[in-house]
Amino acid sequence: MGLLVPVFYSIHRHYSSVGRQLSAGRVRPGAAGQNHVVLLVRDFDVATAEAVGYLRSFRPEDIRPVFPCPAGAVATDVQARWRSFVGLGFPDLEPIDAAHVTSGVRRVVASIERGADDFITVVVPELLRQQGLLSYLVRNRALVRLKASMLRTPNVVVTDAPVVLEQ
């Protein structure tokens, strides 16, 4: 009970804040700008394939696939694998520092030019094993850190593309 009350209170505060913004006229319901997408590609696996399928379902105009790599440049063979993996319609992989994925993705998000009504969707493909919450948090620290760091960034939405593996 001690954990539920603060969680429910924070949800109530969020909805109250959204209600105040709507009544003040700062946010117009139904007004939507362009959706810029940043796709985190860590591997060419089933989770990334799911994320690519998700992106194809709503066809955003601007997609920026980013790939964590240590060398600062995506190897030619990796780019070739990416092209054959996604086919036509997707740009080449953009390198980000593999040691600092969170700051690399944040830097890409900050570099996107956008209008007042535009927003950015950061798509994070994930392979999940049937595990407990604590195990998930320990095994996926970098992804949890990335998703948490984007929570308070205005006009940025983080979308998980999870694939649950059977054991």
C-alpha atoms as a PDB file:
ATOM      1  CA  MET A   1       0.000   0.000   0.000  1.00  0.00           C
ATOM      2  CA  GLY A   2       2.853   2.314   0.852  1.00  0.00           C
ATOM      3  CA  LEU A   3       4.075   2.180  -2.759  1.00  0.00           C
ATOM      4  CA  LEU A   4       0.690   2.374  -4.462  1.00  0.00           C
ATOM      5  CA  VAL A   5      -0.437   5.650  -2.884  1.00  0.00           C
ATOM      6  CA  PRO A   6       2.559   7.694  -4.177  1.00  0.00           C
ATOM      7  CA  VAL A   7       2.229   6.092  -7.628  1.00  0.00           C
ATOM      8  CA  PHE A   8      -1.470   6.938  -7.838  1.00  0.00           C
ATOM      9  CA  TYR A   9      -0.772  10.446  -6.528  1.00  0.00           C
ATOM     10  CA  SER A  10       1.856  11.043  -9.255  1.00  0.00           C
ATOM     11  CA  ILE A  11      -0.601   9.805 -11.921  1.00  0.00           C
ATOM     12  CA  HIS A  12      -3.223  12.198 -10.556  1.00  0.00           C
ATOM     13  CA  ARG A  13      -0.717  15.103 -10.667  1.00  0.00           C
ATOM     14  CA  HIS A  14       0.139  14.247 -14.287  1.00  0.00           C
ATOM     15  CA  TYR A  15      -3.505  14.228 -15.388  1.00  0.00           C
ATOM     16  CA  SER A  16      -4.159  17.465 -13.478  1.00  0.00           C
ATOM     17  CA  SER A  17      -1.216  19.086 -15.254  1.00  0.00           C
ATOM     18  CA  VAL A  18      -2.458  17.925 -18.667  1.00  0.00           C
ATOM     19  CA  GLY A  19      -5.939  19.230 -17.811  1.00  0.00           C
ATOM     20  CA  ARG A  20      -4.537  22.661 -16.865  1.00  0.00           C
ATOM     21  CA  GLN A  21      -2.539  22.811 -20.111  1.00  0.00           C
ATOM     22  CA  LEU A  22      -5.587  21.903 -22.200  1.00  0.00           C
ATOM     23  CA  SER A  23      -7.821  24.441 -20.469  1.00  0.00           C
ATOM     24  CA  ALA A  24      -5.155  27.167 -20.843  1.00  0.00           C
ATOM     25  CA  GLY A  25      -5.066  26.535 -24.596  1.00  0.00           C
ATOM     26  CA  ARG A  26      -1.327  25.807 -24.695  1.00  0.00           C
ATOM     27  CA  VAL A  27      -1.922  22.350 -26.139  1.00  0.00           C
ATOM     28  CA  ARG A  28      -4.384  21.945 -28.978  1.00  0.00           C
ATOM     29  CA  PRO A  29      -6.054  18.520 -29.081  1.00  0.00           C
ATOM     30  CA  GLY A  30      -5.811  17.031 -32.545  1.00  0.00           C
ATOM     31  CA  ALA A  31      -2.966  19.300 -33.623  1.00  0.00           C
ATOM     32  CA  ALA A  32      -0.019  17.192 -34.641  1.00  0.00           C
ATOM     33  CA  GLY A  33       3.176  18.115 -36.349  1.00  0.00           C
ATOM     34  CA  GLN A  34       5.696  15.914 -38.024  1.00  0.00           C
ATOM     35  CA  ASN A  35       6.922  12.771 -36.297  1.00  0.00           C
ATOM     36  CA  HIS A  36      10.698  12.394 -36.400  1.00  0.00           C
ATOM     37  CA  VAL A  37      11.883   8.891 -35.512  1.00  0.00           C
ATOM     38  CA  VAL A  38      15.164   7.769 -33.989  1.00  0.00           C
ATOM     39  CA  LEU A  39      15.585   3.978 -34.174  1.00  0.00           C
ATOM     40  CA  LEU A  40      18.192   2.415 -31.889  1.00  0.00           C
ATOM     41  CA  VAL A  41      19.714  -0.530 -33.761  1.00  0.00           C
ATOM     42  CA  ARG A  42      21.915  -2.627 -31.483  1.00  0.00           C
ATOM     43  CA  ASP A  43      21.686  -5.856 -33.440  1.00  0.00           C
ATOM     44  CA  PHE A  44      19.978  -7.301 -36.502  1.00  0.00           C
ATOM     45  CA  ASP A  45      17.612  -9.541 -34.576  1.00  0.00           C
ATOM     46  CA  VAL A  46      13.903 -10.273 -34.324  1.00  0.00           C
ATOM     47  CA  ALA A  47      13.323  -7.254 -32.037  1.00  0.00           C
ATOM     48  CA  THR A  48      14.846  -4.897 -34.594  1.00  0.00           C
ATOM     49  CA  ALA A  49      12.761  -6.553 -37.317  1.00  0.00           C
ATOM     50  CA  GLU A  50       9.640  -5.930 -35.179  1.00  0.00           C
ATOM     51  CA  ALA A  51      10.639  -2.277 -34.749  1.00  0.00           C
ATOM     52  CA  VAL A  52      11.200  -1.862 -38.501  1.00  0.00           C
ATOM     53  CA  GLY A  53       7.773  -3.396 -39.137  1.00  0.00           C
ATOM     54  CA  TYR A  54       6.258  -0.995 -36.612  1.00  0.00           C
ATOM     55  CA  LEU A  55       7.855   1.971 -38.397  1.00  0.00           C
ATOM     56  CA  ARG A  56       6.613   0.756 -41.762  1.00  0.00           C
ATOM     57  CA  SER A  57       3.080   0.610 -40.338  1.00  0.00           C
ATOM     58  CA  PHE A  58       2.866   4.394 -39.953  1.00  0.00           C
ATOM     59  CA  ARG A  59       5.549   5.506 -42.459  1.00  0.00           C
ATOM     60  CA  PRO A  60       7.221   8.473 -40.772  1.00  0.00           C
ATOM     61  CA  GLU A  61       8.853  10.973 -43.109  1.00  0.00           C
ATOM     62  CA  ASP A  62      12.043  11.275 -41.071  1.00  0.00           C
ATOM     63  CA  ILE A  63      13.809   8.154 -39.751  1.00  0.00           C
ATOM     64  CA  ARG A  64      17.282   8.235 -38.230  1.00  0.00           C
ATOM     65  CA  PRO A  65      18.595   4.760 -37.404  1.00  0.00           C
ATOM     66  CA  VAL A  66      21.498   4.961 -34.950  1.00  0.00           C
ATOM     67  CA  PHE A  67      24.015   2.209 -34.307  1.00  0.00           C
ATOM     68  CA  PRO A  68      26.326   2.041 -31.271  1.00  0.00           C
ATOM     69  CA  CYS A  69      29.853   1.283 -32.431  1.00  0.00           C
ATOM     70  CA  PRO A  70      33.277   1.783 -30.849  1.00  0.00           C
ATOM     71  CA  ALA A  71      35.103   3.102 -33.910  1.00  0.00           C
ATOM     72  CA  GLY A  72      32.970   6.193 -34.472  1.00  0.00           C
ATOM     73  CA  ALA A  73      32.030   4.980 -37.949  1.00  0.00           C
ATOM     74  CA  VAL A  74      29.796   2.135 -39.024  1.00  0.00           C
ATOM     75  CA  ALA A  75      31.785  -0.534 -40.836  1.00  0.00           C
ATOM     76  CA  THR A  76      30.998  -1.103 -44.508  1.00  0.00           C
ATOM     77  CA  ASP A  77      29.912  -4.705 -43.925  1.00  0.00           C
ATOM     78  CA  VAL A  78      27.519  -3.587 -41.162  1.00  0.00           C
ATOM     79  CA  GLN A  79      25.962  -0.996 -43.490  1.00  0.00           C
ATOM     80  CA  ALA A  80      25.577  -3.692 -46.153  1.00  0.00           C
ATOM     81  CA  ARG A  81      23.890  -6.022 -43.619  1.00  0.00           C
ATOM     82  CA  TRP A  82      21.584  -3.159 -42.608  1.00  0.00           C
ATOM     83  CA  ARG A  83      20.583  -2.451 -46.205  1.00  0.00           C
ATOM     84  CA  SER A  84      19.773  -6.100 -46.850  1.00  0.00           C
ATOM     85  CA  PHE A  85      17.986  -6.343 -43.469  1.00  0.00           C
ATOM     86  CA  VAL A  86      15.565  -3.440 -44.090  1.00  0.00           C
ATOM     87  CA  GLY A  87      15.451  -3.191 -47.878  1.00  0.00           C
ATOM     88  CA  LEU A  88      14.417   0.095 -49.449  1.00  0.00           C
ATOM     89  CA  GLY A  89      13.058   3.118 -47.647  1.00  0.00           C
ATOM     90  CA  PHE A  90      15.462   3.387 -44.717  1.00  0.00           C
ATOM     91  CA  PRO A  91      18.564   5.588 -44.523  1.00  0.00           C
ATOM     92  CA  ASP A  92      22.008   4.286 -43.602  1.00  0.00           C
ATOM     93  CA  LEU A  93      22.978   3.739 -39.990  1.00  0.00           C
ATOM     94  CA  GLU A  94      24.296   6.729 -38.069  1.00  0.00           C
ATOM     95  CA  PRO A  95      27.116   5.914 -35.625  1.00  0.00           C
ATOM     96  CA  ILE A  96      26.934   6.757 -31.937  1.00  0.00           C
ATOM     97  CA  ASP A  97      29.506   5.962 -29.257  1.00  0.00           C
ATOM     98  CA  ALA A  98      28.922   2.428 -27.952  1.00  0.00           C
ATOM     99  CA  ALA A  99      30.275   3.339 -24.513  1.00  0.00           C
ATOM    100  CA  HIS A 100      27.776   6.205 -24.114  1.00  0.00           C
ATOM    101  CA  VAL A 101      24.559   5.111 -25.822  1.00  0.00           C
ATOM    102  CA  THR A 102      22.293   7.354 -23.721  1.00  0.00           C
ATOM    103  CA  SER A 103      24.242  10.532 -24.413  1.00  0.00           C
ATOM    104  CA  GLY A 104      24.627   9.539 -28.086  1.00  0.00           C
ATOM    105  CA  VAL A 105      20.878   9.113 -28.570  1.00  0.00           C
ATOM    106  CA  ARG A 106      20.221  12.349 -26.644  1.00  0.00           C
ATOM    107  CA  ARG A 107      22.683  14.150 -28.930  1.00  0.00           C
ATOM    108  CA  VAL A 108      20.891  12.836 -32.047  1.00  0.00           C
ATOM    109  CA  VAL A 109      17.508  13.876 -30.589  1.00  0.00           C
ATOM    110  CA  ALA A 110      18.846  17.362 -29.815  1.00  0.00           C
ATOM    111  CA  SER A 111      20.243  17.730 -33.347  1.00  0.00           C
ATOM    112  CA  ILE A 112      16.869  17.188 -35.050  1.00  0.00           C
ATOM    113  CA  GLU A 113      15.345  20.427 -36.273  1.00  0.00           C
ATOM    114  CA  ARG A 114      11.651  20.528 -35.468  1.00  0.00           C
ATOM    115  CA  GLY A 115       8.715  22.870 -35.380  1.00  0.00           C
ATOM    116  CA  ALA A 116       6.587  23.774 -32.364  1.00  0.00           C
ATOM    117  CA  ASP A 117       4.092  20.937 -32.996  1.00  0.00           C
ATOM    118  CA  ASP A 118       6.673  18.348 -34.065  1.00  0.00           C
ATOM    119  CA  PHE A 119       7.692  15.497 -31.829  1.00  0.00           C
ATOM    120  CA  ILE A 120      10.328  12.788 -31.777  1.00  0.00           C
ATOM    121  CA  THR A 121       9.734   9.095 -31.256  1.00  0.00           C
ATOM    122  CA  VAL A 122      12.717   7.101 -30.001  1.00  0.00           C
ATOM    123  CA  VAL A 123      12.101   3.434 -30.846  1.00  0.00           C
ATOM    124  CA  VAL A 124      13.970   0.926 -28.678  1.00  0.00           C
ATOM    125  CA  PRO A 125      13.853  -2.727 -29.827  1.00  0.00           C
ATOM    126  CA  GLU A 126      14.281  -5.215 -26.976  1.00  0.00           C
ATOM    127  CA  LEU A 127      14.597  -8.975 -26.654  1.00  0.00           C
ATOM    128  CA  LEU A 128      13.010  -9.945 -23.339  1.00  0.00           C
ATOM    129  CA  ARG A 129      13.288 -13.182 -21.495  1.00  0.00           C
ATOM    130  CA  GLN A 130      10.597 -14.247 -19.089  1.00  0.00           C
ATOM    131  CA  GLN A 131      12.234 -12.823 -16.000  1.00  0.00           C
ATOM    132  CA  GLY A 132      11.443 -10.777 -12.939  1.00  0.00           C
ATOM    133  CA  LEU A 133      11.626  -7.008 -12.722  1.00  0.00           C
ATOM    134  CA  LEU A 134      14.870  -6.964 -10.751  1.00  0.00           C
ATOM    135  CA  SER A 135      16.552  -9.274 -13.255  1.00  0.00           C
ATOM    136  CA  TYR A 136      15.337  -7.064 -16.121  1.00  0.00           C
ATOM    137  CA  LEU A 137      16.665  -3.910 -14.454  1.00  0.00           C
ATOM    138  CA  VAL A 138      20.080  -5.482 -13.845  1.00  0.00           C
ATOM    139  CA  ARG A 139      20.477  -7.020 -17.313  1.00  0.00           C
ATOM    140  CA  ASN A 140      19.210  -3.993 -19.226  1.00  0.00           C
ATOM    141  CA  ARG A 141      20.729  -1.110 -17.255  1.00  0.00           C
ATOM    142  CA  ALA A 142      21.737   0.852 -20.359  1.00  0.00           C
ATOM    143  CA  LEU A 143      18.258   0.676 -21.914  1.00  0.00           C
ATOM    144  CA  VAL A 144      16.546   1.538 -18.632  1.00  0.00           C
ATOM    145  CA  ARG A 145      18.894   4.522 -18.249  1.00  0.00           C
ATOM    146  CA  LEU A 146      18.161   5.626 -21.828  1.00  0.00           C
ATOM    147  CA  LYS A 147      14.390   5.384 -21.411  1.00  0.00           C
ATOM    148  CA  ALA A 148      14.453   7.129 -18.030  1.00  0.00           C
ATOM    149  CA  SER A 149      16.604   9.965 -19.362  1.00  0.00           C
ATOM    150  CA  MET A 150      14.038  10.738 -22.055  1.00  0.00           C
ATOM    151  CA  LEU A 151      11.019  10.891 -19.724  1.00  0.00           C
ATOM    152  CA  ARG A 152      11.203  14.622 -19.041  1.00  0.00           C
ATOM    153  CA  THR A 153      12.348  15.708 -22.497  1.00  0.00           C
ATOM    154  CA  PRO A 154       9.563  17.797 -24.058  1.00  0.00           C
ATOM    155  CA  ASN A 155       7.915  16.403 -27.200  1.00  0.00           C
ATOM    156  CA  VAL A 156       9.907  13.162 -27.051  1.00  0.00           C
ATOM    157  CA  VAL A 157       8.173   9.786 -26.858  1.00  0.00           C
ATOM    158  CA  VAL A 158      10.038   6.556 -26.124  1.00  0.00           C
ATOM    159  CA  THR A 159       8.471   3.503 -27.731  1.00  0.00           C
ATOM    160  CA  ASP A 160       9.523   0.006 -26.740  1.00  0.00           C
ATOM    161  CA  ALA A 161       9.408  -2.687 -29.401  1.00  0.00           C
ATOM    162  CA  PRO A 162       9.656  -5.767 -27.179  1.00  0.00           C
ATOM    163  CA  VAL A 163       9.858  -9.374 -28.292  1.00  0.00           C
ATOM    164  CA  VAL A 164       9.424 -11.920 -25.508  1.00  0.00           C
ATOM    165  CA  LEU A 165      11.539 -15.034 -25.938  1.00  0.00           C
ATOM    166  CA  GLU A 166      10.177 -18.328 -24.696  1.00  0.00           C
ATOM    167  CA  GLN A 167      12.523 -20.309 -22.526  1.00  0.00           C
END
